[in-house]
Amino acid sequence: MEKINNITEFIFLGLSQNPVAEEVCSVVFSFFYTIILLGNLLIILTVYVGDLHKSPMYFFLSYLSFVDICYSSFIAPKMIVDLLAKRKTISYVGCMFQLFGAHFFGGTEIFILTVMAYDRYVAICKPLHYMAIMDRDRCTKMLLGIWVGGFLHSAVQVALVVQLPFCGPREIDHYFCDVHPVLKLACADTYLVGAVVTANSGTIALGSFVILLISYTIILVSLRKQSAEGRRKALSTCGSHVAVVIIFYGPCTFMYMRPDTTFKEDKMVAVFYTIITPMLNPLIYTLRNAEVKNAMKKLWDRKVFWEANGK
């Protein structure tokens, strides 16, 4: 099949065709994006200034916050600008770059959540060997594997799309470049490509979900043998992680673990895992985690002390 590509740019249909609704959405999502940046930067700052990064759980939490910032930054700024624009366009190269970034950081987040579940399993079920199993060298290797896994996942998605011919139409019924909406515009049969894309995303999502399910099943069983205080502390830290997993995996499962089809609800579901989840993660981990709250309090006390001595 000879590749024919007459498309130099795509046009987003966006979230809404109502100008008033788009203006309201631009203000709301600008506020959400600001919270994403400030909240996740606060988590990173707290982990490193509060000296929590020596713990594997907070080591990975800081990178989860970093990934959330990068993930939303590939999508939210462009979406906010487009909400106020008459023509919502993106170049072909820009579209492929956005597609790569979204799947790179989205896949990386899935792998980080999986590793964090493994960390909780080791901490609760093998507490005496925890620091030996989750030492800094192993955590660094896991982190490297996470980044490589996210890159390979995204590279496969983009490689499947760029080899397709595009000759029109060029209107993407979405607010960012995602695989399924872009495939609909290809001037070729995309059944096989769509099947491979679904298998790729589905294997990662389903495989990670099974690992998470097994980890937390074992954790819940092992908690019966612990004291009431031990159960309370374990459920507090695990509860935060489970909440993040649910609000991230739910929408992702709806979007990517299905055949190459699109629904009108897709855009609103995508808003949830590209904007809402990165915004909620810092709140969830802060409100339900005593160590993070204490570290933030110390950080605030240190700031007040510096200001008082500077006057």
Protein backbone atom coordinates (compact mmCIF):
# COMPACT_ATOMS: atom_id res chain seq x y z
CA MET A 1 0.00 0.00 0.00
CA GLU A 2 1.47 3.31 -1.10
CA LYS A 3 1.28 5.96 1.57
CA ILE A 4 -0.55 9.10 0.46
CA ASN A 5 -0.56 11.99 2.90
CA ASN A 6 -2.18 15.22 1.73
CA ILE A 7 -2.93 16.32 5.29
CA THR A 8 -0.64 18.94 6.87
CA GLU A 9 -2.96 19.79 9.75
CA PHE A 10 -5.99 18.45 11.57
CA ILE A 11 -9.00 20.32 12.98
CA PHE A 12 -10.36 19.48 16.42
CA LEU A 13 -14.13 19.61 16.89
CA GLY A 14 -13.46 20.18 20.58
CA LEU A 15 -15.57 19.57 23.65
CA SER A 16 -18.52 21.71 22.59
CA GLN A 17 -19.88 23.73 19.69
CA ASN A 18 -21.41 26.28 22.07
CA PRO A 19 -19.17 29.41 22.38
CA VAL A 20 -20.54 30.31 25.82
CA ALA A 21 -19.95 26.79 27.14
CA GLU A 22 -16.42 26.86 25.71
CA GLU A 23 -15.62 30.14 27.49
CA VAL A 24 -16.84 28.69 30.79
CA CYS A 25 -14.85 25.51 30.20
CA SER A 26 -11.68 27.51 29.44
CA VAL A 27 -11.91 29.21 32.85
CA VAL A 28 -12.71 25.95 34.68
CA PHE A 29 -9.93 23.95 33.01
CA SER A 30 -7.42 26.77 33.49
CA PHE A 31 -8.20 26.57 37.21
CA PHE A 32 -7.90 22.76 37.16
CA TYR A 33 -4.56 22.90 35.31
CA THR A 34 -3.21 25.40 37.84
CA ILE A 35 -4.17 23.02 40.65
CA ILE A 36 -2.47 20.15 38.79
CA LEU A 37 0.79 22.09 38.55
CA LEU A 38 0.76 23.49 42.10
CA GLY A 39 -0.53 20.33 43.79
CA ASN A 40 1.91 17.94 42.13
CA LEU A 41 4.85 20.33 42.51
CA LEU A 42 3.99 20.56 46.22
CA ILE A 43 4.07 16.76 46.49
CA ILE A 44 7.49 16.61 44.78
CA LEU A 45 8.84 19.42 46.96
CA THR A 46 7.46 17.82 50.12
CA VAL A 47 8.95 14.41 49.32
CA TYR A 48 12.45 15.75 48.69
CA VAL A 49 12.66 18.65 51.14
CA GLY A 50 10.86 16.60 53.81
CA ASP A 51 13.40 13.79 53.24
CA LEU A 52 10.67 11.26 52.41
CA HIS A 53 12.32 10.13 49.16
CA LYS A 54 14.42 7.57 51.08
CA SER A 55 11.21 5.55 51.43
CA PRO A 56 10.41 3.61 48.22
CA MET A 57 6.71 4.52 48.45
CA TYR A 58 7.40 8.26 48.41
CA PHE A 59 10.21 7.83 45.89
CA PHE A 60 7.65 6.48 43.41
CA LEU A 61 4.98 8.97 44.57
CA SER A 62 7.23 11.88 43.58
CA TYR A 63 7.64 10.41 40.09
CA LEU A 64 3.89 9.81 39.85
CA SER A 65 3.39 13.54 40.49
CA PHE A 66 6.04 14.38 37.88
CA VAL A 67 4.32 12.14 35.32
CA ASP A 68 0.94 13.71 36.13
CA ILE A 69 2.37 17.17 35.38
CA CYS A 70 3.88 16.03 32.08
CA TYR A 71 0.80 14.02 31.07
CA SER A 72 -1.66 16.85 31.57
CA SER A 73 0.77 19.38 30.05
CA PHE A 74 0.72 17.52 26.74
CA ILE A 75 -3.05 18.02 26.56
CA ALA A 76 -4.48 20.74 28.85
CA PRO A 77 -2.69 23.91 27.57
CA LYS A 78 -3.61 23.19 23.94
CA MET A 79 -7.18 22.36 24.93
CA ILE A 80 -7.55 25.59 26.96
CA VAL A 81 -6.25 27.72 24.07
CA ASP A 82 -8.51 25.91 21.59
CA LEU A 83 -11.59 26.55 23.74
CA LEU A 84 -11.17 30.26 22.96
CA ALA A 85 -10.16 29.81 19.31
CA LYS A 86 -12.49 29.87 16.29
CA ARG A 87 -10.40 27.26 14.43
CA LYS A 88 -8.94 24.50 16.56
CA THR A 89 -6.06 23.25 14.43
CA ILE A 90 -2.95 21.17 15.03
CA SER A 91 -0.23 20.26 12.54
CA TYR A 92 0.25 16.64 11.46
CA VAL A 93 3.63 16.54 13.22
CA GLY A 94 2.17 18.22 16.31
CA CYS A 95 -0.64 15.66 16.36
CA MET A 96 1.78 12.73 16.25
CA PHE A 97 3.89 14.37 18.96
CA GLN A 98 0.83 14.87 21.18
CA LEU A 99 -0.26 11.28 20.58
CA PHE A 100 3.20 10.03 21.54
CA GLY A 101 3.36 12.17 24.70
CA ALA A 102 -0.13 11.21 25.86
CA HIS A 103 0.55 7.48 25.53
CA PHE A 104 4.11 7.70 26.84
CA PHE A 105 3.12 9.40 30.09
CA GLY A 106 -0.21 7.56 30.31
CA GLY A 107 1.53 4.19 29.98
CA THR A 108 4.24 5.28 32.41
CA GLU A 109 1.58 6.20 34.98
CA ILE A 110 0.03 2.74 34.70
CA PHE A 111 3.41 1.11 35.31
CA ILE A 112 4.16 3.40 38.29
CA LEU A 113 0.80 2.55 39.90
CA THR A 114 1.57 -1.15 39.41
CA VAL A 115 5.01 -0.85 41.02
CA MET A 116 3.49 1.14 43.89
CA ALA A 117 1.04 -1.71 44.49
CA TYR A 118 3.97 -4.16 44.60
CA ASP A 119 5.73 -1.86 47.06
CA ARG A 120 2.69 -1.93 49.38
CA TYR A 121 2.53 -5.73 49.08
CA VAL A 122 6.17 -6.09 50.16
CA ALA A 123 5.79 -3.50 52.96
CA ILE A 124 2.74 -5.18 54.50
CA CYS A 125 3.32 -8.87 53.75
CA LYS A 126 7.13 -8.98 54.15
CA PRO A 127 7.90 -6.10 56.53
CA LEU A 128 11.15 -7.60 57.89
CA HIS A 129 12.64 -7.87 54.40
CA TYR A 130 11.09 -4.68 53.00
CA MET A 131 14.21 -2.49 52.85
CA ALA A 132 16.30 -5.37 51.53
CA ILE A 133 13.84 -6.11 48.71
CA MET A 134 12.99 -2.48 47.91
CA ASP A 135 16.50 -1.04 48.21
CA ARG A 136 17.52 2.06 46.26
CA ASP A 137 19.29 0.09 43.52
CA ARG A 138 16.22 -2.04 42.82
CA CYS A 139 13.91 0.99 42.94
CA THR A 140 16.12 2.76 40.39
CA LYS A 141 16.04 -0.29 38.10
CA MET A 142 12.26 -0.47 38.45
CA LEU A 143 11.99 3.21 37.57
CA LEU A 144 14.15 2.70 34.49
CA GLY A 145 11.94 -0.22 33.47
CA ILE A 146 8.87 1.97 33.92
CA TRP A 147 10.23 4.67 31.59
CA VAL A 148 11.34 2.10 28.99
CA GLY A 149 7.94 0.37 29.15
CA GLY A 150 6.10 3.67 28.65
CA PHE A 151 8.34 4.57 25.71
CA LEU A 152 7.89 1.20 23.97
CA HIS A 153 4.12 1.31 24.43
CA SER A 154 3.89 4.80 22.95
CA ALA A 155 6.37 4.07 20.14
CA VAL A 156 4.24 1.13 18.99
CA GLN A 157 1.08 3.28 18.95
CA VAL A 158 2.69 6.09 16.95
CA ALA A 159 4.48 3.70 14.55
CA LEU A 160 1.14 2.09 13.67
CA VAL A 161 -0.47 5.48 12.96
CA VAL A 162 2.29 7.25 10.98
CA GLN A 163 2.48 4.52 8.34
CA LEU A 164 -1.19 5.09 7.41
CA PRO A 165 -2.21 7.35 4.51
CA PHE A 166 -4.26 10.48 5.29
CA CYS A 167 -5.97 12.26 2.42
CA GLY A 168 -9.06 13.72 4.06
CA PRO A 169 -11.30 14.40 5.92
CA ARG A 170 -9.20 16.09 8.59
CA GLU A 171 -11.70 16.83 11.39
CA ILE A 172 -10.91 14.95 14.62
CA ASP A 173 -13.97 14.54 16.82
CA HIS A 174 -11.97 15.09 19.99
CA TYR A 175 -10.00 17.77 21.83
CA PHE A 176 -6.59 16.08 21.47
CA CYS A 177 -4.91 13.54 19.21
CA ASP A 178 -5.71 10.06 20.43
CA VAL A 179 -5.32 6.82 18.52
CA HIS A 180 -8.93 5.81 17.80
CA PRO A 181 -10.20 9.25 16.62
CA VAL A 182 -7.14 9.67 14.36
CA LEU A 183 -7.53 6.17 12.88
CA LYS A 184 -11.02 7.11 11.72
CA LEU A 185 -9.47 9.66 9.33
CA ALA A 186 -7.09 7.27 7.57
CA CYS A 187 -7.67 6.57 3.86
CA ALA A 188 -7.22 2.83 4.33
CA ASP A 189 -8.63 -0.17 6.11
CA THR A 190 -7.56 0.25 9.74
CA TYR A 191 -9.09 -2.93 11.16
CA LEU A 192 -5.75 -4.70 11.67
CA VAL A 193 -4.05 -1.56 13.02
CA GLY A 194 -6.98 -0.94 15.38
CA ALA A 195 -6.80 -4.54 16.61
CA VAL A 196 -3.07 -4.24 17.34
CA VAL A 197 -3.60 -0.88 19.10
CA THR A 198 -6.35 -2.37 21.24
CA ALA A 199 -4.25 -5.46 22.01
CA ASN A 200 -1.27 -3.28 22.96
CA SER A 201 -3.22 -0.96 25.27
CA GLY A 202 -5.48 -3.73 26.51
CA THR A 203 -2.62 -6.04 27.46
CA ILE A 204 -0.93 -3.28 29.48
CA ALA A 205 -4.14 -2.15 31.18
CA LEU A 206 -5.48 -5.65 31.87
CA GLY A 207 -2.10 -7.07 32.90
CA SER A 208 -1.49 -4.20 35.31
CA PHE A 209 -5.01 -4.46 36.69
CA VAL A 210 -4.60 -8.21 37.37
CA ILE A 211 -1.31 -7.55 39.21
CA LEU A 212 -3.01 -4.83 41.26
CA LEU A 213 -5.95 -7.10 42.04
CA ILE A 214 -3.69 -9.95 43.17
CA SER A 215 -1.51 -7.61 45.26
CA TYR A 216 -4.43 -6.09 47.16
CA THR A 217 -6.18 -9.43 47.62
CA ILE A 218 -3.05 -10.81 49.30
CA ILE A 219 -2.70 -7.59 51.33
CA LEU A 220 -6.29 -7.75 52.60
CA VAL A 221 -5.88 -11.41 53.58
CA SER A 222 -2.61 -10.70 55.42
CA LEU A 223 -4.13 -7.75 57.33
CA ARG A 224 -6.33 -10.13 59.33
CA LYS A 225 -3.23 -11.27 61.22
CA GLN A 226 -2.13 -7.75 62.17
CA SER A 227 -3.10 -5.55 65.11
CA ALA A 228 -5.88 -2.98 64.85
CA GLU A 229 -3.32 -0.14 64.68
CA GLY A 230 -1.36 -1.97 61.98
CA ARG A 231 -4.52 -2.52 59.95
CA ARG A 232 -5.51 1.12 60.30
CA LYS A 233 -2.13 2.40 59.10
CA ALA A 234 -1.95 -0.09 56.24
CA LEU A 235 -5.49 0.65 55.07
CA SER A 236 -4.77 4.37 55.20
CA THR A 237 -1.81 4.18 52.81
CA CYS A 238 -3.37 1.48 50.63
CA GLY A 239 -6.69 3.34 50.53
CA SER A 240 -5.05 6.32 48.85
CA HIS A 241 -3.48 4.11 46.22
CA VAL A 242 -6.68 2.15 45.58
CA ALA A 243 -8.63 5.40 45.12
CA VAL A 244 -6.09 6.65 42.54
CA VAL A 245 -6.14 3.30 40.73
CA ILE A 246 -9.94 3.29 40.50
CA ILE A 247 -10.31 6.83 39.14
CA PHE A 248 -7.50 6.28 36.62
CA TYR A 249 -8.12 2.69 35.47
CA GLY A 250 -11.90 3.03 35.19
CA PRO A 251 -11.90 5.62 32.37
CA CYS A 252 -8.78 4.09 30.72
CA THR A 253 -10.45 0.68 30.61
CA PHE A 254 -13.54 2.21 28.98
CA MET A 255 -11.39 3.95 26.34
CA TYR A 256 -8.74 1.41 25.40
CA MET A 257 -9.90 -2.10 26.27
CA ARG A 258 -12.45 -2.27 23.47
CA PRO A 259 -12.49 -2.62 19.66
CA ASP A 260 -11.52 0.29 17.40
CA THR A 261 -14.71 2.30 17.90
CA THR A 262 -15.56 5.73 19.24
CA PHE A 263 -18.57 6.98 21.23
CA LYS A 264 -19.90 10.47 21.91
CA GLU A 265 -19.09 9.97 25.61
CA ASP A 266 -15.38 9.47 24.87
CA LYS A 267 -14.47 13.14 25.18
CA MET A 268 -15.98 13.52 28.65
CA VAL A 269 -14.41 10.25 29.82
CA ALA A 270 -11.04 11.45 28.48
CA VAL A 271 -11.38 14.69 30.46
CA PHE A 272 -11.57 12.55 33.59
CA TYR A 273 -8.25 10.76 33.16
CA THR A 274 -6.33 13.60 31.46
CA ILE A 275 -7.42 16.47 33.75
CA ILE A 276 -9.44 15.32 36.77
CA THR A 277 -7.23 12.41 37.87
CA PRO A 278 -3.91 14.36 37.81
CA MET A 279 -5.67 17.09 39.81
CA LEU A 280 -7.10 14.69 42.42
CA ASN A 281 -3.94 12.61 42.99
CA PRO A 282 -2.17 15.17 45.23
CA LEU A 283 -5.36 15.75 47.23
CA ILE A 284 -5.92 12.03 47.76
CA TYR A 285 -2.36 11.32 48.86
CA THR A 286 -2.26 14.42 51.08
CA LEU A 287 -5.59 14.02 52.85
CA ARG A 288 -5.19 10.31 53.59
CA ASN A 289 -1.49 10.18 54.44
CA ALA A 290 -0.25 11.33 57.84
CA GLU A 291 3.43 11.31 56.84
CA VAL A 292 2.86 13.59 53.87
CA LYS A 293 0.75 15.96 55.98
CA ASN A 294 3.43 16.08 58.68
CA ALA A 295 6.14 16.74 56.10
CA MET A 296 4.05 19.55 54.62
CA LYS A 297 3.54 21.02 58.08
CA LYS A 298 7.31 20.96 58.69
CA LEU A 299 7.85 22.55 55.28
CA TRP A 300 5.37 25.29 56.16
CA ASP A 301 6.93 25.83 59.62
CA ARG A 302 10.37 26.13 58.01
CA LYS A 303 9.01 28.70 55.54
CA VAL A 304 7.46 30.75 58.37
CA PHE A 305 10.73 30.53 60.33
CA TRP A 306 12.74 31.80 57.36
CA GLU A 307 10.30 34.67 56.78
CA ALA A 308 10.38 35.62 60.47
CA ASN A 309 14.18 35.69 60.54
CA GLY A 310 14.34 37.55 57.27
CA LYS A 311 12.32 40.48 58.61
